[in-house]
């Protein structure tokens, strides 16, 4: 009598049962990734920046021998928050104008055009010509857009009116948690 067959069939049934009915979390993130890929890119980038900002503040304060716990809670300034938001919006618009994608924001490099020149509209032709004719200027354009977006997100995170030590811990753990629930991996880091 072969005892492996019932065990193998039970395992395959369990695996089929799991794969046939995705959870709400899986459905939500699959929709976000495939239907709203730009929002997913912004989601992942924001979480990565949150983790980095918290780690940088904690590491820098340790290197300077500063006591973050003794620091005062910064005042919230609507004017500063709006400036950071405008940096973010300007950077995102620059990236969107290029190829209607925010893929560069996450990859931090230029993405080649996927369409044939004959299939492009006038906006796409202008940016295609710009990338082919002036590749260095195109790289600088993409870099400026990425930096503006990252500075906007970073600034909005720093504008959270919390004591710096707790804000750093919160942004690290929240960023890790939100990245993890996406696909139960931390590959984006």
N, C-alpha and C. Protein backbone atom coordinates (compact mmCIF):
# COMPACT_ATOMS: atom_id res chain seq x y z
N UNK A 1 0.84 -1.18 0.00
CA UNK A 1 0.00 0.00 0.00
C UNK A 1 0.89 1.24 0.00
N UNK A 2 0.58 2.19 -0.90
CA UNK A 2 1.38 3.40 -1.03
C UNK A 2 0.73 4.52 -0.23
N UNK A 3 1.43 4.95 0.82
CA UNK A 3 0.88 6.00 1.69
C UNK A 3 1.17 7.41 1.15
N UNK A 4 2.04 7.53 0.17
CA UNK A 4 2.39 8.84 -0.36
C UNK A 4 1.26 9.44 -1.19
N UNK A 5 0.50 8.62 -1.89
CA UNK A 5 -0.55 9.13 -2.77
C UNK A 5 -1.61 9.94 -2.04
N UNK A 6 -2.18 9.48 -0.91
CA UNK A 6 -3.17 10.31 -0.23
C UNK A 6 -2.59 11.63 0.30
N UNK A 7 -1.35 11.57 0.75
CA UNK A 7 -0.72 12.78 1.27
C UNK A 7 -0.47 13.77 0.14
N UNK A 8 0.04 13.27 -0.99
CA UNK A 8 0.31 14.15 -2.12
C UNK A 8 -0.98 14.74 -2.68
N UNK A 9 -2.03 13.96 -2.73
CA UNK A 9 -3.30 14.48 -3.24
C UNK A 9 -3.89 15.51 -2.29
N UNK A 10 -3.74 15.30 -0.98
CA UNK A 10 -4.23 16.28 0.00
C UNK A 10 -3.46 17.58 -0.10
N UNK A 11 -2.15 17.48 -0.30
CA UNK A 11 -1.33 18.69 -0.46
C UNK A 11 -1.73 19.43 -1.72
N UNK A 12 -1.92 18.73 -2.81
CA UNK A 12 -2.31 19.40 -4.06
C UNK A 12 -3.69 20.05 -3.95
N UNK A 13 -4.60 19.40 -3.22
CA UNK A 13 -5.93 20.00 -3.01
C UNK A 13 -5.83 21.27 -2.19
N UNK A 14 -4.98 21.27 -1.17
CA UNK A 14 -4.79 22.47 -0.36
C UNK A 14 -4.20 23.59 -1.19
N UNK A 15 -3.21 23.27 -2.00
CA UNK A 15 -2.59 24.29 -2.83
C UNK A 15 -3.57 24.84 -3.85
N UNK A 16 -4.39 23.99 -4.44
CA UNK A 16 -5.39 24.45 -5.39
C UNK A 16 -6.44 25.31 -4.70
N UNK A 17 -6.82 24.94 -3.50
CA UNK A 17 -7.81 25.71 -2.74
C UNK A 17 -7.31 27.10 -2.42
N UNK A 18 -6.04 27.23 -2.10
CA UNK A 18 -5.46 28.54 -1.79
C UNK A 18 -5.35 29.40 -3.04
N UNK A 19 -4.93 28.80 -4.12
CA UNK A 19 -4.71 29.58 -5.33
C UNK A 19 -6.01 29.96 -6.02
N UNK A 20 -7.08 29.22 -5.81
CA UNK A 20 -8.32 29.52 -6.52
C UNK A 20 -9.08 30.69 -5.90
N UNK A 21 -8.90 30.95 -4.62
CA UNK A 21 -9.62 32.04 -3.96
C UNK A 21 -8.65 32.98 -3.27
N UNK A 22 -8.24 34.03 -3.99
CA UNK A 22 -7.31 34.99 -3.35
C UNK A 22 -8.03 35.80 -2.27
N UNK A 23 -7.26 36.23 -1.32
CA UNK A 23 -7.82 37.01 -0.21
C UNK A 23 -8.14 38.42 -0.68
N UNK A 24 -8.82 39.17 0.17
CA UNK A 24 -9.13 40.57 -0.15
C UNK A 24 -7.86 41.37 -0.34
N UNK A 25 -6.87 41.12 0.53
CA UNK A 25 -5.59 41.82 0.43
C UNK A 25 -4.96 41.56 -0.94
N UNK A 26 -4.94 40.30 -1.37
CA UNK A 26 -4.36 39.95 -2.66
C UNK A 26 -5.13 40.60 -3.81
N UNK A 27 -6.44 40.57 -3.73
CA UNK A 27 -7.26 41.19 -4.79
C UNK A 27 -7.02 42.69 -4.84
N UNK A 28 -6.95 43.33 -3.67
CA UNK A 28 -6.73 44.77 -3.62
C UNK A 28 -5.39 45.14 -4.25
N UNK A 29 -4.33 44.46 -3.84
CA UNK A 29 -3.01 44.81 -4.36
C UNK A 29 -2.82 44.38 -5.81
N UNK A 30 -3.48 43.31 -6.24
CA UNK A 30 -3.44 42.95 -7.65
C UNK A 30 -4.11 44.02 -8.49
N UNK A 31 -5.24 44.51 -8.03
CA UNK A 31 -5.93 45.60 -8.73
C UNK A 31 -5.07 46.85 -8.75
N UNK A 32 -4.47 47.17 -7.61
CA UNK A 32 -3.61 48.35 -7.52
C UNK A 32 -2.41 48.23 -8.46
N UNK A 33 -1.81 47.06 -8.51
CA UNK A 33 -0.62 46.86 -9.36
C UNK A 33 -0.96 46.90 -10.84
N UNK A 34 -2.05 46.28 -11.23
CA UNK A 34 -2.33 46.12 -12.66
C UNK A 34 -3.23 47.21 -13.22
N UNK A 35 -4.20 47.65 -12.46
CA UNK A 35 -5.13 48.67 -12.96
C UNK A 35 -4.63 50.08 -12.67
N UNK A 36 -4.02 50.27 -11.53
CA UNK A 36 -3.54 51.60 -11.10
C UNK A 36 -2.05 51.52 -10.78
N UNK A 37 -1.26 51.17 -11.77
CA UNK A 37 0.17 50.94 -11.54
C UNK A 37 0.90 52.19 -11.05
N UNK A 38 0.47 53.37 -11.49
CA UNK A 38 1.12 54.60 -11.01
C UNK A 38 0.87 54.81 -9.52
N UNK A 39 -0.33 54.53 -9.05
CA UNK A 39 -0.61 54.64 -7.61
C UNK A 39 0.19 53.61 -6.82
N UNK A 40 0.34 52.42 -7.37
CA UNK A 40 1.13 51.40 -6.69
C UNK A 40 2.60 51.83 -6.60
N UNK A 41 3.11 52.40 -7.67
CA UNK A 41 4.49 52.89 -7.67
C UNK A 41 4.66 53.98 -6.62
N UNK A 42 3.72 54.89 -6.54
CA UNK A 42 3.78 55.95 -5.53
C UNK A 42 3.67 55.36 -4.11
N UNK A 43 2.83 54.36 -3.93
CA UNK A 43 2.67 53.67 -2.65
C UNK A 43 3.99 53.05 -2.20
N UNK A 44 4.62 52.30 -3.09
CA UNK A 44 5.87 51.63 -2.76
C UNK A 44 6.98 52.66 -2.50
N UNK A 45 7.07 53.66 -3.35
CA UNK A 45 8.11 54.68 -3.18
C UNK A 45 7.95 55.43 -1.86
N UNK A 46 6.73 55.78 -1.52
CA UNK A 46 6.48 56.48 -0.25
C UNK A 46 6.90 55.63 0.93
N UNK A 47 6.62 54.34 0.89
CA UNK A 47 7.02 53.47 1.99
C UNK A 47 8.53 53.32 2.09
N UNK A 48 9.19 53.21 0.95
CA UNK A 48 10.66 53.11 0.95
C UNK A 48 11.27 54.39 1.50
N UNK A 49 10.75 55.53 1.08
CA UNK A 49 11.27 56.81 1.57
C UNK A 49 11.01 56.95 3.07
N UNK A 50 9.86 56.50 3.54
CA UNK A 50 9.56 56.56 4.98
C UNK A 50 10.58 55.75 5.77
N UNK A 51 10.90 54.56 5.28
CA UNK A 51 11.89 53.73 5.98
C UNK A 51 13.24 54.40 5.96
N UNK A 52 13.65 54.91 4.81
CA UNK A 52 14.95 55.56 4.70
C UNK A 52 15.03 56.80 5.59
N UNK A 53 13.97 57.60 5.59
CA UNK A 53 14.03 58.83 6.38
C UNK A 53 14.15 58.53 7.87
N UNK A 54 13.42 57.54 8.33
CA UNK A 54 13.53 57.16 9.74
C UNK A 54 14.91 56.63 10.08
N UNK A 55 15.45 55.78 9.22
CA UNK A 55 16.78 55.22 9.45
C UNK A 55 17.85 56.29 9.39
N UNK A 56 17.74 57.21 8.45
CA UNK A 56 18.74 58.27 8.32
C UNK A 56 18.74 59.17 9.55
N UNK A 57 17.55 59.54 10.03
CA UNK A 57 17.49 60.41 11.20
C UNK A 57 18.07 59.70 12.43
N UNK A 58 17.71 58.44 12.63
CA UNK A 58 18.24 57.70 13.78
C UNK A 58 19.75 57.51 13.66
N UNK A 59 20.23 57.14 12.49
CA UNK A 59 21.67 56.93 12.30
C UNK A 59 22.46 58.22 12.44
N UNK A 60 21.94 59.29 11.84
CA UNK A 60 22.63 60.57 11.91
C UNK A 60 22.67 61.11 13.33
N UNK A 61 21.59 60.97 14.05
CA UNK A 61 21.58 61.46 15.44
C UNK A 61 22.53 60.63 16.31
N UNK A 62 22.63 59.34 16.03
CA UNK A 62 23.58 58.52 16.77
C UNK A 62 25.01 58.94 16.44
N UNK A 63 25.30 59.21 15.16
CA UNK A 63 26.65 59.61 14.74
C UNK A 63 27.03 60.96 15.32
N UNK A 64 26.07 61.86 15.47
CA UNK A 64 26.33 63.18 16.05
C UNK A 64 26.26 63.16 17.56
N UNK A 65 25.93 62.01 18.14
CA UNK A 65 25.72 61.85 19.58
C UNK A 65 24.63 62.79 20.08
N UNK A 66 23.59 62.93 19.26
CA UNK A 66 22.46 63.77 19.64
C UNK A 66 21.40 62.89 20.31
N UNK A 67 20.67 63.49 21.21
CA UNK A 67 19.61 62.77 21.91
C UNK A 67 18.28 63.12 21.26
N UNK A 68 17.79 62.22 20.43
CA UNK A 68 16.54 62.48 19.72
C UNK A 68 15.35 62.53 20.67
N UNK A 69 15.43 61.79 21.75
CA UNK A 69 14.31 61.77 22.69
C UNK A 69 14.16 63.13 23.38
N UNK A 70 15.27 63.83 23.53
CA UNK A 70 15.23 65.14 24.17
C UNK A 70 14.77 66.25 23.22
N UNK A 71 14.79 65.97 21.90
CA UNK A 71 14.36 66.99 20.93
C UNK A 71 12.88 67.32 21.12
N UNK A 72 12.57 68.56 20.85
CA UNK A 72 11.18 69.00 20.97
C UNK A 72 10.37 68.61 19.74
N UNK A 73 9.08 68.50 19.92
CA UNK A 73 8.19 68.22 18.81
C UNK A 73 8.14 69.46 17.92
N UNK A 74 8.43 69.29 16.62
CA UNK A 74 8.39 70.47 15.74
C UNK A 74 6.97 70.95 15.52
N UNK A 75 6.85 72.25 15.30
CA UNK A 75 5.54 72.82 15.00
C UNK A 75 5.16 72.48 13.56
N UNK A 76 3.87 72.30 13.33
CA UNK A 76 3.38 72.03 12.00
C UNK A 76 3.22 73.35 11.26
N UNK A 77 3.76 73.41 10.07
CA UNK A 77 3.64 74.61 9.25
C UNK A 77 2.93 74.23 7.95
N UNK A 78 1.75 74.77 7.76
CA UNK A 78 0.99 74.48 6.55
C UNK A 78 1.73 74.97 5.31
N UNK A 79 2.40 76.11 5.42
CA UNK A 79 3.13 76.67 4.29
C UNK A 79 4.25 75.73 3.84
N UNK A 80 4.98 75.16 4.78
CA UNK A 80 6.07 74.24 4.45
C UNK A 80 5.50 72.95 3.86
N UNK A 81 4.43 72.45 4.45
CA UNK A 81 3.80 71.23 3.92
C UNK A 81 3.30 71.44 2.49
N UNK A 82 2.73 72.60 2.20
CA UNK A 82 2.27 72.89 0.85
C UNK A 82 3.42 73.01 -0.14
N UNK A 83 4.55 73.54 0.33
CA UNK A 83 5.74 73.60 -0.54
C UNK A 83 6.24 72.20 -0.88
N UNK A 84 6.27 71.33 0.12
CA UNK A 84 6.69 69.95 -0.14
C UNK A 84 5.70 69.25 -1.06
N UNK A 85 4.43 69.50 -0.86
CA UNK A 85 3.41 68.92 -1.72
C UNK A 85 3.56 69.42 -3.16
N UNK A 86 3.89 70.70 -3.32
CA UNK A 86 4.08 71.23 -4.67
C UNK A 86 5.32 70.62 -5.33
N UNK A 87 6.38 70.37 -4.56
CA UNK A 87 7.55 69.68 -5.12
C UNK A 87 7.16 68.28 -5.60
N UNK A 88 6.40 67.58 -4.79
CA UNK A 88 5.95 66.24 -5.15
C UNK A 88 5.11 66.27 -6.42
N UNK A 89 4.16 67.18 -6.48
CA UNK A 89 3.26 67.26 -7.65
C UNK A 89 4.04 67.65 -8.91
N UNK A 90 4.98 68.59 -8.79
CA UNK A 90 5.79 68.99 -9.95
C UNK A 90 6.63 67.81 -10.46
N UNK A 91 7.26 67.10 -9.55
CA UNK A 91 8.07 65.95 -9.96
C UNK A 91 7.23 64.87 -10.61
N UNK A 92 6.06 64.58 -10.02
CA UNK A 92 5.19 63.56 -10.60
C UNK A 92 4.66 63.98 -11.97
N UNK A 93 4.32 65.25 -12.13
CA UNK A 93 3.85 65.74 -13.43
C UNK A 93 4.94 65.63 -14.49
N UNK A 94 6.17 65.94 -14.11
CA UNK A 94 7.28 65.82 -15.06
C UNK A 94 7.44 64.37 -15.51
N UNK A 95 7.34 63.44 -14.57
CA UNK A 95 7.46 62.02 -14.94
C UNK A 95 6.28 61.56 -15.77
N UNK A 96 5.09 62.03 -15.42
CA UNK A 96 3.89 61.63 -16.16
C UNK A 96 3.90 62.18 -17.59
N UNK A 97 4.42 63.40 -17.76
CA UNK A 97 4.48 63.98 -19.11
C UNK A 97 5.36 63.15 -20.02
N UNK A 98 6.40 62.57 -19.47
CA UNK A 98 7.34 61.81 -20.27
C UNK A 98 6.67 60.60 -20.92
N UNK A 99 6.14 59.68 -20.10
CA UNK A 99 5.55 58.48 -20.70
C UNK A 99 4.29 58.00 -19.96
N UNK A 100 3.65 58.90 -19.23
CA UNK A 100 2.44 58.60 -18.47
C UNK A 100 2.66 57.49 -17.44
N UNK A 101 3.90 57.31 -17.03
CA UNK A 101 4.24 56.27 -16.08
C UNK A 101 5.12 56.87 -14.99
N UNK A 102 4.99 56.31 -13.81
CA UNK A 102 5.88 56.71 -12.71
C UNK A 102 6.92 55.64 -12.45
N UNK A 103 7.15 54.79 -13.44
CA UNK A 103 8.08 53.69 -13.27
C UNK A 103 9.48 54.19 -12.92
N UNK A 104 9.89 55.33 -13.48
CA UNK A 104 11.21 55.88 -13.19
C UNK A 104 11.37 56.23 -11.73
N UNK A 105 10.28 56.60 -11.08
CA UNK A 105 10.32 56.99 -9.68
C UNK A 105 10.80 55.85 -8.81
N UNK A 106 10.38 54.65 -9.12
CA UNK A 106 10.76 53.48 -8.34
C UNK A 106 12.08 52.89 -8.82
N UNK A 107 12.28 52.85 -10.13
CA UNK A 107 13.50 52.26 -10.68
C UNK A 107 14.69 53.21 -10.60
N UNK A 108 14.42 54.50 -10.50
CA UNK A 108 15.41 55.56 -10.46
C UNK A 108 16.33 55.53 -11.69
N UNK A 109 15.74 55.27 -12.85
CA UNK A 109 16.47 55.35 -14.11
C UNK A 109 15.47 55.56 -15.24
N UNK A 110 15.98 55.98 -16.39
CA UNK A 110 15.12 56.20 -17.55
C UNK A 110 14.57 54.88 -18.05
N UNK A 111 13.34 54.92 -18.55
CA UNK A 111 12.76 53.74 -19.17
C UNK A 111 12.65 53.99 -20.66
N UNK A 112 13.03 53.01 -21.47
CA UNK A 112 12.94 53.20 -22.92
C UNK A 112 11.49 53.17 -23.40
N UNK A 113 11.26 53.81 -24.51
CA UNK A 113 9.92 53.83 -25.09
C UNK A 113 9.57 52.45 -25.63
N UNK A 114 8.35 52.01 -25.39
CA UNK A 114 7.92 50.67 -25.79
C UNK A 114 7.20 50.66 -27.13
N UNK A 115 6.80 51.82 -27.62
CA UNK A 115 5.99 51.90 -28.84
C UNK A 115 6.87 52.18 -30.06
N UNK A 116 6.35 51.82 -31.20
CA UNK A 116 6.99 52.21 -32.46
C UNK A 116 6.67 53.68 -32.71
N UNK A 117 7.56 54.37 -33.41
CA UNK A 117 7.39 55.81 -33.64
C UNK A 117 6.09 56.10 -34.39
N UNK A 118 5.69 55.21 -35.28
CA UNK A 118 4.47 55.43 -36.06
C UNK A 118 3.22 55.40 -35.19
N UNK A 119 3.28 54.68 -34.06
CA UNK A 119 2.11 54.54 -33.18
C UNK A 119 2.05 55.62 -32.10
N UNK A 120 3.03 56.49 -32.05
CA UNK A 120 3.10 57.50 -30.98
C UNK A 120 2.26 58.71 -31.32
N UNK A 121 1.71 59.35 -30.25
CA UNK A 121 1.04 60.63 -30.44
C UNK A 121 2.09 61.74 -30.39
N UNK A 122 1.69 62.98 -30.52
CA UNK A 122 2.66 64.08 -30.62
C UNK A 122 3.48 64.24 -29.33
N UNK A 123 2.86 64.09 -28.16
CA UNK A 123 3.61 64.19 -26.91
C UNK A 123 4.67 63.12 -26.82
N UNK A 124 4.30 61.90 -27.18
CA UNK A 124 5.25 60.79 -27.13
C UNK A 124 6.38 60.98 -28.13
N UNK A 125 6.06 61.52 -29.30
CA UNK A 125 7.11 61.77 -30.30
C UNK A 125 8.10 62.82 -29.82
N UNK A 126 7.59 63.87 -29.16
CA UNK A 126 8.48 64.91 -28.65
C UNK A 126 9.46 64.32 -27.63
N UNK A 127 8.95 63.54 -26.69
CA UNK A 127 9.84 62.96 -25.68
C UNK A 127 10.74 61.88 -26.27
N UNK A 128 10.25 61.14 -27.27
CA UNK A 128 11.10 60.14 -27.94
C UNK A 128 12.25 60.85 -28.65
N UNK A 129 11.93 61.91 -29.38
CA UNK A 129 12.96 62.69 -30.07
C UNK A 129 13.96 63.26 -29.06
N UNK A 130 13.43 63.78 -27.96
CA UNK A 130 14.26 64.35 -26.90
C UNK A 130 15.22 63.29 -26.34
N UNK A 131 14.72 62.06 -26.11
CA UNK A 131 15.55 60.99 -25.55
C UNK A 131 16.60 60.51 -26.55
N UNK A 132 16.24 60.48 -27.83
CA UNK A 132 17.17 60.01 -28.85
C UNK A 132 18.20 61.09 -29.19
N UNK A 133 17.73 62.29 -29.39
CA UNK A 133 18.60 63.38 -29.85
C UNK A 133 19.46 63.94 -28.72
N UNK A 134 18.91 64.06 -27.51
CA UNK A 134 19.62 64.65 -26.38
C UNK A 134 19.55 63.69 -25.17
N UNK A 135 20.25 62.58 -25.23
CA UNK A 135 20.12 61.60 -24.14
C UNK A 135 20.59 62.12 -22.79
N UNK A 136 21.60 62.97 -22.77
CA UNK A 136 22.07 63.51 -21.49
C UNK A 136 21.06 64.47 -20.88
N UNK A 137 20.47 65.32 -21.70
CA UNK A 137 19.44 66.22 -21.18
C UNK A 137 18.21 65.44 -20.73
N UNK A 138 17.90 64.38 -21.45
CA UNK A 138 16.77 63.53 -21.05
C UNK A 138 17.04 62.88 -19.69
N UNK A 139 18.26 62.45 -19.48
CA UNK A 139 18.63 61.87 -18.19
C UNK A 139 18.53 62.91 -17.09
N UNK A 140 18.99 64.12 -17.36
CA UNK A 140 18.91 65.19 -16.36
C UNK A 140 17.45 65.52 -16.05
N UNK A 141 16.61 65.57 -17.08
CA UNK A 141 15.18 65.83 -16.89
C UNK A 141 14.56 64.78 -15.98
N UNK A 142 14.84 63.50 -16.27
CA UNK A 142 14.30 62.40 -15.45
C UNK A 142 14.83 62.49 -14.03
N UNK A 143 16.11 62.77 -13.89
CA UNK A 143 16.72 62.87 -12.57
C UNK A 143 16.10 64.01 -11.75
N UNK A 144 15.89 65.15 -12.37
CA UNK A 144 15.28 66.28 -11.67
C UNK A 144 13.86 65.91 -11.21
N UNK A 145 13.11 65.26 -12.08
CA UNK A 145 11.74 64.86 -11.71
C UNK A 145 11.75 63.88 -10.55
N UNK A 146 12.67 62.92 -10.56
CA UNK A 146 12.77 61.95 -9.47
C UNK A 146 13.16 62.64 -8.18
N UNK A 147 14.14 63.54 -8.24
CA UNK A 147 14.60 64.23 -7.04
C UNK A 147 13.49 65.11 -6.47
N UNK A 148 12.77 65.83 -7.32
CA UNK A 148 11.67 66.66 -6.83
C UNK A 148 10.60 65.81 -6.14
N UNK A 149 10.28 64.67 -6.74
CA UNK A 149 9.27 63.78 -6.14
C UNK A 149 9.75 63.24 -4.81
N UNK A 150 10.97 62.76 -4.76
CA UNK A 150 11.51 62.21 -3.52
C UNK A 150 11.59 63.28 -2.44
N UNK A 151 12.05 64.50 -2.81
CA UNK A 151 12.12 65.58 -1.82
C UNK A 151 10.74 65.95 -1.30
N UNK A 152 9.75 65.93 -2.18
CA UNK A 152 8.39 66.23 -1.74
C UNK A 152 7.87 65.20 -0.75
N UNK A 153 8.07 63.92 -1.07
CA UNK A 153 7.63 62.87 -0.15
C UNK A 153 8.40 62.93 1.15
N UNK A 154 9.71 63.08 1.05
CA UNK A 154 10.57 63.15 2.23
C UNK A 154 10.14 64.32 3.12
N UNK A 155 9.92 65.47 2.52
CA UNK A 155 9.53 66.64 3.29
C UNK A 155 8.18 66.47 3.97
N UNK A 156 7.24 65.83 3.28
CA UNK A 156 5.93 65.59 3.90
C UNK A 156 6.06 64.64 5.09
N UNK A 157 6.97 63.68 4.99
CA UNK A 157 7.20 62.77 6.13
C UNK A 157 7.83 63.54 7.29
N UNK A 158 8.78 64.44 6.98
CA UNK A 158 9.44 65.21 8.05
C UNK A 158 8.50 66.23 8.66
N UNK A 159 7.43 66.58 7.95
CA UNK A 159 6.48 67.57 8.47
C UNK A 159 5.48 66.99 9.46
N UNK A 160 5.53 65.70 9.69
CA UNK A 160 4.61 65.09 10.66
C UNK A 160 4.94 65.67 12.04
N UNK A 161 3.98 66.31 12.69
CA UNK A 161 4.27 66.97 13.97
C UNK A 161 4.33 65.97 15.13
N UNK A 162 5.42 65.22 15.18
CA UNK A 162 5.66 64.26 16.25
C UNK A 162 7.08 64.46 16.76
N UNK A 163 7.32 63.96 17.92
CA UNK A 163 8.67 63.98 18.47
C UNK A 163 9.57 63.18 17.53
N UNK A 164 10.75 63.69 17.14
CA UNK A 164 11.56 63.08 16.09
C UNK A 164 11.90 61.60 16.29
N UNK A 165 12.20 61.19 17.51
CA UNK A 165 12.54 59.79 17.76
C UNK A 165 11.36 58.89 17.44
N UNK A 166 10.19 59.25 17.94
CA UNK A 166 9.00 58.42 17.71
C UNK A 166 8.54 58.48 16.26
N UNK A 167 8.70 59.63 15.63
CA UNK A 167 8.35 59.75 14.22
C UNK A 167 9.25 58.83 13.39
N UNK A 168 10.53 58.78 13.71
CA UNK A 168 11.46 57.91 12.98
C UNK A 168 11.07 56.44 13.14
N UNK A 169 10.80 56.03 14.36
CA UNK A 169 10.39 54.64 14.59
C UNK A 169 9.08 54.33 13.89
N UNK A 170 8.13 55.26 13.97
CA UNK A 170 6.84 55.07 13.33
C UNK A 170 6.98 54.92 11.82
N UNK A 171 7.77 55.79 11.20
CA UNK A 171 7.91 55.72 9.74
C UNK A 171 8.63 54.44 9.31
N UNK A 172 9.60 54.00 10.09
CA UNK A 172 10.31 52.75 9.75
C UNK A 172 9.35 51.57 9.83
N UNK A 173 8.68 51.43 10.96
CA UNK A 173 7.81 50.26 11.14
C UNK A 173 6.58 50.31 10.24
N UNK A 174 6.00 51.49 10.07
CA UNK A 174 4.85 51.61 9.19
C UNK A 174 5.24 51.34 7.74
N UNK A 175 6.38 51.89 7.32
CA UNK A 175 6.86 51.63 5.96
C UNK A 175 7.14 50.16 5.72
N UNK A 176 7.80 49.50 6.67
CA UNK A 176 8.06 48.06 6.54
C UNK A 176 6.76 47.26 6.50
N UNK A 177 5.83 47.60 7.37
CA UNK A 177 4.56 46.88 7.41
C UNK A 177 3.78 47.04 6.11
N UNK A 178 3.69 48.28 5.62
CA UNK A 178 2.93 48.53 4.39
C UNK A 178 3.59 47.90 3.17
N UNK A 179 4.93 47.86 3.14
CA UNK A 179 5.60 47.16 2.05
C UNK A 179 5.38 45.65 2.14
N UNK A 180 5.37 45.15 3.37
CA UNK A 180 5.23 43.72 3.57
C UNK A 180 3.83 43.22 3.19
N UNK A 181 2.80 43.98 3.55
CA UNK A 181 1.45 43.49 3.25
C UNK A 181 1.13 43.53 1.77
N UNK A 182 1.91 44.26 1.00
CA UNK A 182 1.69 44.31 -0.44
C UNK A 182 1.79 42.92 -1.06
N UNK A 183 2.94 42.27 -0.91
CA UNK A 183 3.13 40.95 -1.51
C UNK A 183 3.82 39.98 -0.56
N UNK A 184 3.83 40.32 0.72
CA UNK A 184 4.45 39.52 1.77
C UNK A 184 5.94 39.32 1.51
N UNK A 185 6.55 40.31 0.87
CA UNK A 185 8.00 40.32 0.60
C UNK A 185 8.48 41.75 0.78
N UNK A 186 9.77 41.89 0.99
CA UNK A 186 10.38 43.22 1.10
C UNK A 186 11.40 43.43 0.00
N UNK A 187 11.09 42.97 -1.20
CA UNK A 187 12.04 43.05 -2.32
C UNK A 187 12.31 44.49 -2.75
N UNK A 188 11.37 45.39 -2.53
CA UNK A 188 11.54 46.77 -2.99
C UNK A 188 12.67 47.49 -2.27
N UNK A 189 13.03 47.02 -1.09
CA UNK A 189 14.12 47.67 -0.36
C UNK A 189 15.45 47.34 -1.00
